[in-house]
Amino acid sequence: MLKVENLNVHYGVIHALKDVNIEVEEGQIVSLIGS
């Protein structure tokens, strides 16, 4: 299992991700696509 809580990502002054939560259970396939 993979669990991420309250993830925040900044690119300089840009707040790209704010308080993101993700939980991936065993056997699940997850893809994150972005630019």
N, C-alpha and C. Protein backbone atom coordinates (compact mmCIF):
# COMPACT_ATOMS: atom_id res chain seq x y z
N MET A 1 0.84 -1.18 0.00
CA MET A 1 0.00 0.00 0.00
C MET A 1 0.88 1.24 0.00
N LEU A 2 0.44 2.24 -0.71
CA LEU A 2 1.10 3.55 -0.74
C LEU A 2 0.09 4.59 -0.29
N LYS A 3 0.49 5.40 0.69
CA LYS A 3 -0.41 6.44 1.20
C LYS A 3 0.35 7.75 1.29
N VAL A 4 -0.22 8.79 0.68
CA VAL A 4 0.35 10.14 0.71
C VAL A 4 -0.71 11.06 1.28
N GLU A 5 -0.32 11.86 2.27
CA GLU A 5 -1.28 12.78 2.89
C GLU A 5 -0.73 14.20 2.88
N ASN A 6 -1.60 15.14 2.55
CA ASN A 6 -1.28 16.57 2.61
C ASN A 6 -0.05 16.95 1.78
N LEU A 7 0.03 16.41 0.57
CA LEU A 7 1.14 16.71 -0.33
C LEU A 7 0.98 18.11 -0.90
N ASN A 8 2.04 18.91 -0.81
CA ASN A 8 2.07 20.26 -1.37
C ASN A 8 3.30 20.37 -2.25
N VAL A 9 3.13 20.93 -3.45
CA VAL A 9 4.24 21.11 -4.38
C VAL A 9 4.23 22.55 -4.86
N HIS A 10 5.39 23.18 -4.80
CA HIS A 10 5.56 24.56 -5.28
C HIS A 10 6.60 24.58 -6.39
N TYR A 11 6.32 25.35 -7.43
CA TYR A 11 7.28 25.65 -8.49
C TYR A 11 7.50 27.15 -8.43
N GLY A 12 8.53 27.55 -7.68
CA GLY A 12 8.73 28.98 -7.46
C GLY A 12 7.56 29.52 -6.65
N VAL A 13 6.87 30.51 -7.18
CA VAL A 13 5.73 31.10 -6.48
C VAL A 13 4.41 30.40 -6.80
N ILE A 14 4.44 29.43 -7.72
CA ILE A 14 3.22 28.71 -8.11
C ILE A 14 2.99 27.53 -7.17
N HIS A 15 1.82 27.51 -6.55
CA HIS A 15 1.43 26.40 -5.67
C HIS A 15 0.66 25.39 -6.53
N ALA A 16 1.39 24.41 -7.09
CA ALA A 16 0.83 23.49 -8.08
C ALA A 16 -0.11 22.45 -7.46
N LEU A 17 0.25 21.90 -6.31
CA LEU A 17 -0.60 20.93 -5.62
C LEU A 17 -0.78 21.39 -4.18
N LYS A 18 -2.02 21.33 -3.69
CA LYS A 18 -2.30 21.80 -2.34
C LYS A 18 -3.08 20.73 -1.57
N ASP A 19 -2.45 20.21 -0.54
CA ASP A 19 -3.08 19.24 0.37
C ASP A 19 -3.69 18.05 -0.37
N VAL A 20 -2.93 17.42 -1.26
CA VAL A 20 -3.40 16.26 -2.02
C VAL A 20 -3.22 15.00 -1.19
N ASN A 21 -4.25 14.15 -1.18
CA ASN A 21 -4.20 12.86 -0.49
C ASN A 21 -4.43 11.76 -1.52
N ILE A 22 -3.58 10.73 -1.47
CA ILE A 22 -3.71 9.59 -2.38
C ILE A 22 -3.46 8.32 -1.57
N GLU A 23 -4.30 7.32 -1.82
CA GLU A 23 -4.09 6.01 -1.20
C GLU A 23 -4.24 4.95 -2.28
N VAL A 24 -3.20 4.15 -2.48
CA VAL A 24 -3.20 3.10 -3.50
C VAL A 24 -3.09 1.76 -2.78
N GLU A 25 -4.08 0.92 -2.99
CA GLU A 25 -4.10 -0.40 -2.37
C GLU A 25 -3.28 -1.40 -3.19
N GLU A 26 -2.89 -2.47 -2.57
CA GLU A 26 -2.13 -3.52 -3.25
C GLU A 26 -2.93 -4.04 -4.43
N GLY A 27 -2.27 -4.17 -5.58
CA GLY A 27 -2.91 -4.67 -6.79
C GLY A 27 -3.51 -3.59 -7.68
N GLN A 28 -3.62 -2.37 -7.17
CA GLN A 28 -4.16 -1.27 -7.98
C GLN A 28 -3.06 -0.71 -8.87
N ILE A 29 -3.47 -0.21 -10.02
CA ILE A 29 -2.56 0.48 -10.93
C ILE A 29 -3.05 1.91 -11.06
N VAL A 30 -2.15 2.86 -10.77
CA VAL A 30 -2.52 4.27 -10.78
C VAL A 30 -1.51 5.03 -11.63
N SER A 31 -2.01 5.98 -12.39
CA SER A 31 -1.16 6.82 -13.23
C SER A 31 -1.47 8.28 -12.96
N LEU A 32 -0.44 9.08 -12.79
CA LEU A 32 -0.60 10.53 -12.64
C LEU A 32 0.05 11.19 -13.84
N ILE A 33 -0.74 11.97 -14.57
CA ILE A 33 -0.24 12.60 -15.79
C ILE A 33 -0.43 14.11 -15.66
N GLY A 34 0.61 14.85 -15.96
CA GLY A 34 0.50 16.30 -15.89
C GLY A 34 1.74 16.96 -16.46
N SER A 35 1.67 18.26 -16.55
CA SER A 35 2.84 18.98 -17.06
C SER A 35 3.08 20.21 -16.23
